[in-house]
Amino acid sequence: MLASGDIKECFYDAAKAFNYAERYQLPVIHLVDKALADSYKTYAIFGVEEYRVDRGKVLDWVGPEEEYRRFRIMEDAISPRV
């Protein structure tokens, strides 16, 4: 769960929320106050260079002899996706 305090935090927390959801394969709640959601403000362009998309554990290839099981029990409790 993420709770943003201002518009700039909303931008960066949204990127974090997507990465958390992909990495841990769980829903993420991003709380935003109604007053904040209905407001507007001018900012300089936000720096997106420091953020990267984190898709979590992804299998690149499942061969014909391998059996892919989406919800395989793993040591870290997160099964890889294709």
PDB file of N, CA and C in Angstrom:
ATOM      1  N   MET A   1       0.842  -1.152   0.000  1.00  0.00           N
ATOM      2  CA  MET A   1       0.000   0.000   0.000  1.00  0.00           C
ATOM      3  C   MET A   1       0.899   1.229   0.000  1.00  0.00           C
ATOM      4  N   LEU A   2       0.610   2.142  -0.892  1.00  0.00           N
ATOM      5  CA  LEU A   2       1.349   3.393  -0.994  1.00  0.00           C
ATOM      6  C   LEU A   2       0.382   4.550  -0.797  1.00  0.00           C
ATOM      7  N   ALA A   3       0.815   5.571  -0.086  1.00  0.00           N
ATOM      8  CA  ALA A   3      -0.001   6.766   0.133  1.00  0.00           C
ATOM      9  C   ALA A   3       0.844   7.979  -0.237  1.00  0.00           C
ATOM     10  N   SER A   4       0.430   8.696  -1.260  1.00  0.00           N
ATOM     11  CA  SER A   4       1.196   9.842  -1.745  1.00  0.00           C
ATOM     12  C   SER A   4       0.752  11.123  -1.046  1.00  0.00           C
ATOM     13  N   GLY A   5       1.712  12.013  -0.832  1.00  0.00           N
ATOM     14  CA  GLY A   5       1.426  13.265  -0.132  1.00  0.00           C
ATOM     15  C   GLY A   5       1.267  14.463  -1.044  1.00  0.00           C
ATOM     16  N   ASP A   6       1.865  14.417  -2.229  1.00  0.00           N
ATOM     17  CA  ASP A   6       1.714  15.513  -3.181  1.00  0.00           C
ATOM     18  C   ASP A   6       1.760  14.952  -4.605  1.00  0.00           C
ATOM     19  N   ILE A   7       1.621  15.834  -5.576  1.00  0.00           N
ATOM     20  CA  ILE A   7       1.521  15.394  -6.965  1.00  0.00           C
ATOM     21  C   ILE A   7       2.806  14.712  -7.431  1.00  0.00           C
ATOM     22  N   LYS A   8       3.948  15.232  -7.014  1.00  0.00           N
ATOM     23  CA  LYS A   8       5.210  14.631  -7.416  1.00  0.00           C
ATOM     24  C   LYS A   8       5.342  13.216  -6.839  1.00  0.00           C
ATOM     25  N   GLU A   9       4.962  13.039  -5.588  1.00  0.00           N
ATOM     26  CA  GLU A   9       4.993  11.709  -4.984  1.00  0.00           C
ATOM     27  C   GLU A   9       4.025  10.763  -5.699  1.00  0.00           C
ATOM     28  N   CYS A  10       2.881  11.273  -6.145  1.00  0.00           N
ATOM     29  CA  CYS A  10       1.926  10.444  -6.889  1.00  0.00           C
ATOM     30  C   CYS A  10       2.583   9.848  -8.124  1.00  0.00           C
ATOM     31  N   PHE A  11       3.336  10.652  -8.841  1.00  0.00           N
ATOM     32  CA  PHE A  11       3.999  10.190 -10.059  1.00  0.00           C
ATOM     33  C   PHE A  11       4.982   9.067  -9.742  1.00  0.00           C
ATOM     34  N   TYR A  12       5.851   9.296  -8.772  1.00  0.00           N
ATOM     35  CA  TYR A  12       6.878   8.302  -8.440  1.00  0.00           C
ATOM     36  C   TYR A  12       6.280   7.076  -7.748  1.00  0.00           C
ATOM     37  N   ASP A  13       5.261   7.276  -6.913  1.00  0.00           N
ATOM     38  CA  ASP A  13       4.624   6.132  -6.250  1.00  0.00           C
ATOM     39  C   ASP A  13       3.869   5.249  -7.236  1.00  0.00           C
ATOM     40  N   ALA A  14       3.333   5.834  -8.295  1.00  0.00           N
ATOM     41  CA  ALA A  14       2.646   5.034  -9.320  1.00  0.00           C
ATOM     42  C   ALA A  14       3.639   4.092 -10.003  1.00  0.00           C
ATOM     43  N   ALA A  15       4.843   4.586 -10.291  1.00  0.00           N
ATOM     44  CA  ALA A  15       5.875   3.724 -10.888  1.00  0.00           C
ATOM     45  C   ALA A  15       6.269   2.621  -9.914  1.00  0.00           C
ATOM     46  N   LYS A  16       6.417   2.961  -8.642  1.00  0.00           N
ATOM     47  CA  LYS A  16       6.745   1.949  -7.631  1.00  0.00           C
ATOM     48  C   LYS A  16       5.628   0.914  -7.523  1.00  0.00           C
ATOM     49  N   ALA A  17       4.381   1.360  -7.573  1.00  0.00           N
ATOM     50  CA  ALA A  17       3.245   0.448  -7.447  1.00  0.00           C
ATOM     51  C   ALA A  17       3.244  -0.584  -8.569  1.00  0.00           C
ATOM     52  N   PHE A  18       3.493  -0.140  -9.808  1.00  0.00           N
ATOM     53  CA  PHE A  18       3.547  -1.085 -10.928  1.00  0.00           C
ATOM     54  C   PHE A  18       4.692  -2.082 -10.752  1.00  0.00           C
ATOM     55  N   ASN A  19       5.853  -1.605 -10.311  1.00  0.00           N
ATOM     56  CA  ASN A  19       6.984  -2.510 -10.107  1.00  0.00           C
ATOM     57  C   ASN A  19       6.716  -3.503  -8.981  1.00  0.00           C
ATOM     58  N   TYR A  20       6.116  -3.061  -7.888  1.00  0.00           N
ATOM     59  CA  TYR A  20       5.785  -3.977  -6.785  1.00  0.00           C
ATOM     60  C   TYR A  20       4.786  -5.043  -7.254  1.00  0.00           C
ATOM     61  N   ALA A  21       3.783  -4.617  -8.004  1.00  0.00           N
ATOM     62  CA  ALA A  21       2.770  -5.560  -8.478  1.00  0.00           C
ATOM     63  C   ALA A  21       3.378  -6.606  -9.404  1.00  0.00           C
ATOM     64  N   GLU A  22       4.275  -6.194 -10.285  1.00  0.00           N
ATOM     65  CA  GLU A  22       4.913  -7.130 -11.202  1.00  0.00           C
ATOM     66  C   GLU A  22       5.892  -8.048 -10.469  1.00  0.00           C
ATOM     67  N   ARG A  23       6.709  -7.472  -9.585  1.00  0.00           N
ATOM     68  CA  ARG A  23       7.738  -8.256  -8.905  1.00  0.00           C
ATOM     69  C   ARG A  23       7.148  -9.292  -7.965  1.00  0.00           C
ATOM     70  N   TYR A  24       6.160  -8.883  -7.164  1.00  0.00           N
ATOM     71  CA  TYR A  24       5.601  -9.784  -6.160  1.00  0.00           C
ATOM     72  C   TYR A  24       4.296 -10.450  -6.595  1.00  0.00           C
ATOM     73  N   GLN A  25       3.793 -10.103  -7.773  1.00  0.00           N
ATOM     74  CA  GLN A  25       2.591 -10.698  -8.353  1.00  0.00           C
ATOM     75  C   GLN A  25       1.400 -10.600  -7.406  1.00  0.00           C
ATOM     76  N   LEU A  26       1.220  -9.414  -6.861  1.00  0.00           N
ATOM     77  CA  LEU A  26       0.131  -9.131  -5.928  1.00  0.00           C
ATOM     78  C   LEU A  26      -0.495  -7.787  -6.282  1.00  0.00           C
ATOM     79  N   PRO A  27      -1.748  -7.553  -5.871  1.00  0.00           N
ATOM     80  CA  PRO A  27      -2.341  -6.233  -6.069  1.00  0.00           C
ATOM     81  C   PRO A  27      -1.654  -5.194  -5.182  1.00  0.00           C
ATOM     82  N   VAL A  28      -1.550  -3.993  -5.683  1.00  0.00           N
ATOM     83  CA  VAL A  28      -0.970  -2.885  -4.927  1.00  0.00           C
ATOM     84  C   VAL A  28      -2.022  -1.787  -4.835  1.00  0.00           C
ATOM     85  N   ILE A  29      -2.178  -1.220  -3.655  1.00  0.00           N
ATOM     86  CA  ILE A  29      -3.140  -0.134  -3.450  1.00  0.00           C
ATOM     87  C   ILE A  29      -2.370   1.174  -3.366  1.00  0.00           C
ATOM     88  N   HIS A  30      -2.760   2.126  -4.190  1.00  0.00           N
ATOM     89  CA  HIS A  30      -2.141   3.457  -4.192  1.00  0.00           C
ATOM     90  C   HIS A  30      -3.202   4.448  -3.729  1.00  0.00           C
ATOM     91  N   LEU A  31      -3.049   4.930  -2.512  1.00  0.00           N
ATOM     92  CA  LEU A  31      -4.021   5.859  -1.942  1.00  0.00           C
ATOM     93  C   LEU A  31      -3.684   7.297  -2.325  1.00  0.00           C
ATOM     94  N   VAL A  32      -4.690   8.010  -2.781  1.00  0.00           N
ATOM     95  CA  VAL A  32      -4.530   9.420  -3.121  1.00  0.00           C
ATOM     96  C   VAL A  32      -5.729  10.171  -2.551  1.00  0.00           C
ATOM     97  N   ASP A  33      -5.473  11.237  -1.830  1.00  0.00           N
ATOM     98  CA  ASP A  33      -6.525  12.059  -1.257  1.00  0.00           C
ATOM     99  C   ASP A  33      -7.348  12.712  -2.366  1.00  0.00           C
ATOM    100  N   LYS A  34      -8.661  12.867  -2.154  1.00  0.00           N
ATOM    101  CA  LYS A  34      -9.526  13.453  -3.176  1.00  0.00           C
ATOM    102  C   LYS A  34      -9.107  14.884  -3.514  1.00  0.00           C
ATOM    103  N   ALA A  35      -8.725  15.644  -2.513  1.00  0.00           N
ATOM    104  CA  ALA A  35      -8.280  17.019  -2.765  1.00  0.00           C
ATOM    105  C   ALA A  35      -7.031  17.023  -3.646  1.00  0.00           C
ATOM    106  N   LEU A  36      -6.153  16.081  -3.420  1.00  0.00           N
ATOM    107  CA  LEU A  36      -4.944  15.972  -4.228  1.00  0.00           C
ATOM    108  C   LEU A  36      -5.284  15.502  -5.646  1.00  0.00           C
ATOM    109  N   ALA A  37      -6.196  14.552  -5.736  1.00  0.00           N
ATOM    110  CA  ALA A  37      -6.578  14.018  -7.050  1.00  0.00           C
ATOM    111  C   ALA A  37      -7.279  15.076  -7.902  1.00  0.00           C
ATOM    112  N   ASP A  38      -8.022  15.971  -7.278  1.00  0.00           N
ATOM    113  CA  ASP A  38      -8.757  17.005  -8.020  1.00  0.00           C
ATOM    114  C   ASP A  38      -7.959  18.279  -8.242  1.00  0.00           C
ATOM    115  N   SER A  39      -6.758  18.353  -7.691  1.00  0.00           N
ATOM    116  CA  SER A  39      -5.960  19.570  -7.838  1.00  0.00           C
ATOM    117  C   SER A  39      -5.066  19.482  -9.070  1.00  0.00           C
ATOM    118  N   TYR A  40      -4.466  20.594  -9.419  1.00  0.00           N
ATOM    119  CA  TYR A  40      -3.509  20.614 -10.510  1.00  0.00           C
ATOM    120  C   TYR A  40      -2.404  21.594 -10.147  1.00  0.00           C
ATOM    121  N   LYS A  41      -1.236  21.341 -10.679  1.00  0.00           N
ATOM    122  CA  LYS A  41      -0.082  22.172 -10.388  1.00  0.00           C
ATOM    123  C   LYS A  41       0.921  21.985 -11.517  1.00  0.00           C
ATOM    124  N   THR A  42       1.705  22.990 -11.784  1.00  0.00           N
ATOM    125  CA  THR A  42       2.725  22.915 -12.819  1.00  0.00           C
ATOM    126  C   THR A  42       4.058  22.529 -12.198  1.00  0.00           C
ATOM    127  N   TYR A  43       4.680  21.521 -12.773  1.00  0.00           N
ATOM    128  CA  TYR A  43       5.997  21.050 -12.328  1.00  0.00           C
ATOM    129  C   TYR A  43       6.923  21.002 -13.527  1.00  0.00           C
ATOM    130  N   ALA A  44       8.203  21.022 -13.239  1.00  0.00           N
ATOM    131  CA  ALA A  44       9.169  20.716 -14.297  1.00  0.00           C
ATOM    132  C   ALA A  44       9.025  19.228 -14.628  1.00  0.00           C
ATOM    133  N   ILE A  45       9.545  18.822 -15.749  1.00  0.00           N
ATOM    134  CA  ILE A  45       9.425  17.417 -16.155  1.00  0.00           C
ATOM    135  C   ILE A  45      10.082  16.537 -15.101  1.00  0.00           C
ATOM    136  N   PHE A  46       9.357  15.504 -14.668  1.00  0.00           N
ATOM    137  CA  PHE A  46       9.879  14.599 -13.654  1.00  0.00           C
ATOM    138  C   PHE A  46      11.000  13.752 -14.242  1.00  0.00           C
ATOM    139  N   GLY A  47      11.997  13.464 -13.424  1.00  0.00           N
ATOM    140  CA  GLY A  47      13.117  12.633 -13.865  1.00  0.00           C
ATOM    141  C   GLY A  47      12.736  11.161 -13.884  1.00  0.00           C
ATOM    142  N   VAL A  48      12.640  10.592 -15.061  1.00  0.00           N
ATOM    143  CA  VAL A  48      12.281   9.181 -15.180  1.00  0.00           C
ATOM    144  C   VAL A  48      13.506   8.308 -15.438  1.00  0.00           C
ATOM    145  N   GLU A  49      14.674   8.906 -15.513  1.00  0.00           N
ATOM    146  CA  GLU A  49      15.880   8.151 -15.836  1.00  0.00           C
ATOM    147  C   GLU A  49      16.240   7.152 -14.742  1.00  0.00           C
ATOM    148  N   GLU A  50      15.961   7.500 -13.489  1.00  0.00           N
ATOM    149  CA  GLU A  50      16.374   6.633 -12.386  1.00  0.00           C
ATOM    150  C   GLU A  50      15.432   5.449 -12.167  1.00  0.00           C
ATOM    151  N   TYR A  51      14.292   5.426 -12.855  1.00  0.00           N
ATOM    152  CA  TYR A  51      13.352   4.317 -12.699  1.00  0.00           C
ATOM    153  C   TYR A  51      13.463   3.355 -13.865  1.00  0.00           C
ATOM    154  N   ARG A  52      13.388   2.089 -13.546  1.00  0.00           N
ATOM    155  CA  ARG A  52      13.380   1.074 -14.586  1.00  0.00           C
ATOM    156  C   ARG A  52      12.188   0.163 -14.331  1.00  0.00           C
ATOM    157  N   VAL A  53      11.706  -0.465 -15.371  1.00  0.00           N
ATOM    158  CA  VAL A  53      10.586  -1.386 -15.251  1.00  0.00           C
ATOM    159  C   VAL A  53      11.125  -2.712 -14.716  1.00  0.00           C
ATOM    160  N   ASP A  54      10.522  -3.190 -13.631  1.00  0.00           N
ATOM    161  CA  ASP A  54      10.932  -4.442 -13.007  1.00  0.00           C
ATOM    162  C   ASP A  54       9.797  -5.445 -13.171  1.00  0.00           C
ATOM    163  N   ARG A  55       9.947  -6.393 -14.074  1.00  0.00           N
ATOM    164  CA  ARG A  55       8.903  -7.375 -14.361  1.00  0.00           C
ATOM    165  C   ARG A  55       8.928  -8.564 -13.410  1.00  0.00           C
ATOM    166  N   GLY A  56       9.897  -8.624 -12.518  1.00  0.00           N
ATOM    167  CA  GLY A  56       9.972  -9.745 -11.594  1.00  0.00           C
ATOM    168  C   GLY A  56      10.583 -10.961 -12.249  1.00  0.00           C
ATOM    169  N   LYS A  57      10.235 -12.130 -11.748  1.00  0.00           N
ATOM    170  CA  LYS A  57      10.787 -13.385 -12.264  1.00  0.00           C
ATOM    171  C   LYS A  57      10.016 -13.811 -13.511  1.00  0.00           C
ATOM    172  N   VAL A  58      10.714 -13.809 -14.636  1.00  0.00           N
ATOM    173  CA  VAL A  58      10.097 -14.171 -15.908  1.00  0.00           C
ATOM    174  C   VAL A  58      10.973 -15.227 -16.575  1.00  0.00           C
ATOM    175  N   LEU A  59      10.348 -16.304 -17.041  1.00  0.00           N
ATOM    176  CA  LEU A  59      11.069 -17.315 -17.814  1.00  0.00           C
ATOM    177  C   LEU A  59      11.137 -16.873 -19.262  1.00  0.00           C
ATOM    178  N   ASP A  60      12.318 -16.955 -19.842  1.00  0.00           N
ATOM    179  CA  ASP A  60      12.467 -16.589 -21.247  1.00  0.00           C
ATOM    180  C   ASP A  60      12.015 -17.713 -22.170  1.00  0.00           C
ATOM    181  N   TRP A  61      12.225 -18.951 -21.720  1.00  0.00           N
ATOM    182  CA  TRP A  61      11.934 -20.066 -22.592  1.00  0.00           C
ATOM    183  C   TRP A  61      11.555 -21.279 -21.768  1.00  0.00           C
ATOM    184  N   VAL A  62      10.521 -21.961 -22.198  1.00  0.00           N
ATOM    185  CA  VAL A  62      10.146 -23.241 -21.622  1.00  0.00           C
ATOM    186  C   VAL A  62      10.212 -24.237 -22.764  1.00  0.00           C
ATOM    187  N   GLY A  63      11.177 -25.144 -22.685  1.00  0.00           N
ATOM    188  CA  GLY A  63      11.388 -26.113 -23.760  1.00  0.00           C
ATOM    189  C   GLY A  63      10.329 -27.193 -23.771  1.00  0.00           C
ATOM    190  N   PRO A  64      10.292 -27.984 -24.832  1.00  0.00           N
ATOM    191  CA  PRO A  64       9.277 -29.039 -24.950  1.00  0.00           C
ATOM    192  C   PRO A  64       9.404 -30.107 -23.867  1.00  0.00           C
ATOM    193  N   GLU A  65      10.619 -30.345 -23.350  1.00  0.00           N
ATOM    194  CA  GLU A  65      10.786 -31.365 -22.323  1.00  0.00           C
ATOM    195  C   GLU A  65      10.522 -30.835 -20.916  1.00  0.00           C
ATOM    196  N   GLU A  66      10.390 -29.522 -20.779  1.00  0.00           N
ATOM    197  CA  GLU A  66      10.120 -28.929 -19.468  1.00  0.00           C
ATOM    198  C   GLU A  66       8.623 -28.749 -19.278  1.00  0.00           C
ATOM    199  N   GLU A  67       8.172 -29.009 -18.079  1.00  0.00           N
ATOM    200  CA  GLU A  67       6.763 -28.793 -17.764  1.00  0.00           C
ATOM    201  C   GLU A  67       6.639 -27.466 -17.020  1.00  0.00           C
ATOM    202  N   TYR A  68       5.893 -26.546 -17.609  1.00  0.00           N
ATOM    203  CA  TYR A  68       5.702 -25.242 -16.972  1.00  0.00           C
ATOM    204  C   TYR A  68       4.488 -25.305 -16.069  1.00  0.00           C
ATOM    205  N   ARG A  69       4.672 -24.945 -14.824  1.00  0.00           N
ATOM    206  CA  ARG A  69       3.560 -24.854 -13.879  1.00  0.00           C
ATOM    207  C   ARG A  69       3.559 -23.433 -13.325  1.00  0.00           C
ATOM    208  N   ARG A  70       2.496 -22.718 -13.597  1.00  0.00           N
ATOM    209  CA  ARG A  70       2.424 -21.306 -13.227  1.00  0.00           C
ATOM    210  C   ARG A  70       2.554 -21.099 -11.726  1.00  0.00           C
ATOM    211  N   PHE A  71       1.932 -21.917 -10.922  1.00  0.00           N
ATOM    212  CA  PHE A  71       1.945 -21.716  -9.479  1.00  0.00           C
ATOM    213  C   PHE A  71       2.803 -22.763  -8.780  1.00  0.00           C
ATOM    214  N   ARG A  72       3.985 -23.006  -9.321  1.00  0.00           N
ATOM    215  CA  ARG A  72       4.938 -23.936  -8.721  1.00  0.00           C
ATOM    216  C   ARG A  72       5.420 -23.352  -7.387  1.00  0.00           C
ATOM    217  N   ILE A  73       5.547 -24.193  -6.380  1.00  0.00           N
ATOM    218  CA  ILE A  73       6.006 -23.733  -5.068  1.00  0.00           C
ATOM    219  C   ILE A  73       7.515 -23.509  -5.139  1.00  0.00           C
ATOM    220  N   MET A  74       7.924 -22.279  -4.844  1.00  0.00           N
ATOM    221  CA  MET A  74       9.331 -21.893  -4.910  1.00  0.00           C
ATOM    222  C   MET A  74       9.818 -21.528  -3.506  1.00  0.00           C
ATOM    223  N   GLU A  75      11.143 -21.462  -3.342  1.00  0.00           N
ATOM    224  CA  GLU A  75      11.712 -21.121  -2.038  1.00  0.00           C
ATOM    225  C   GLU A  75      11.315 -19.718  -1.582  1.00  0.00           C
ATOM    226  N   ASP A  76      11.277 -18.764  -2.509  1.00  0.00           N
ATOM    227  CA  ASP A  76      10.917 -17.388  -2.140  1.00  0.00           C
ATOM    228  C   ASP A  76       9.441 -17.085  -2.316  1.00  0.00           C
ATOM    229  N   ALA A  77       8.625 -18.107  -2.572  1.00  0.00           N
ATOM    230  CA  ALA A  77       7.164 -18.024  -2.678  1.00  0.00           C
ATOM    231  C   ALA A  77       6.674 -17.247  -3.900  1.00  0.00           C
ATOM    232  N   ILE A  78       7.557 -16.944  -4.852  1.00  0.00           N
ATOM    233  CA  ILE A  78       7.156 -16.241  -6.070  1.00  0.00           C
ATOM    234  C   ILE A  78       7.519 -17.113  -7.259  1.00  0.00           C
ATOM    235  N   SER A  79       6.507 -17.618  -7.949  1.00  0.00           N
ATOM    236  CA  SER A  79       6.764 -18.490  -9.094  1.00  0.00           C
ATOM    237  C   SER A  79       7.011 -17.635 -10.347  1.00  0.00           C
ATOM    238  N   PRO A  80       7.886 -18.086 -11.239  1.00  0.00           N
ATOM    239  CA  PRO A  80       8.171 -17.316 -12.453  1.00  0.00           C
ATOM    240  C   PRO A  80       7.016 -17.377 -13.447  1.00  0.00           C
ATOM    241  N   ARG A  81       6.910 -16.310 -14.233  1.00  0.00           N
ATOM    242  CA  ARG A  81       5.890 -16.237 -15.293  1.00  0.00           C
ATOM    243  C   ARG A  81       6.560 -16.392 -16.640  1.00  0.00           C
ATOM    244  N   VAL A  82       5.768 -16.745 -17.651  1.00  0.00           N
ATOM    245  CA  VAL A  82       6.317 -16.775 -19.023  1.00  0.00           C
ATOM    246  C   VAL A  82       5.967 -15.481 -19.717  1.00  0.00           C
TER     247      VAL A  82
END
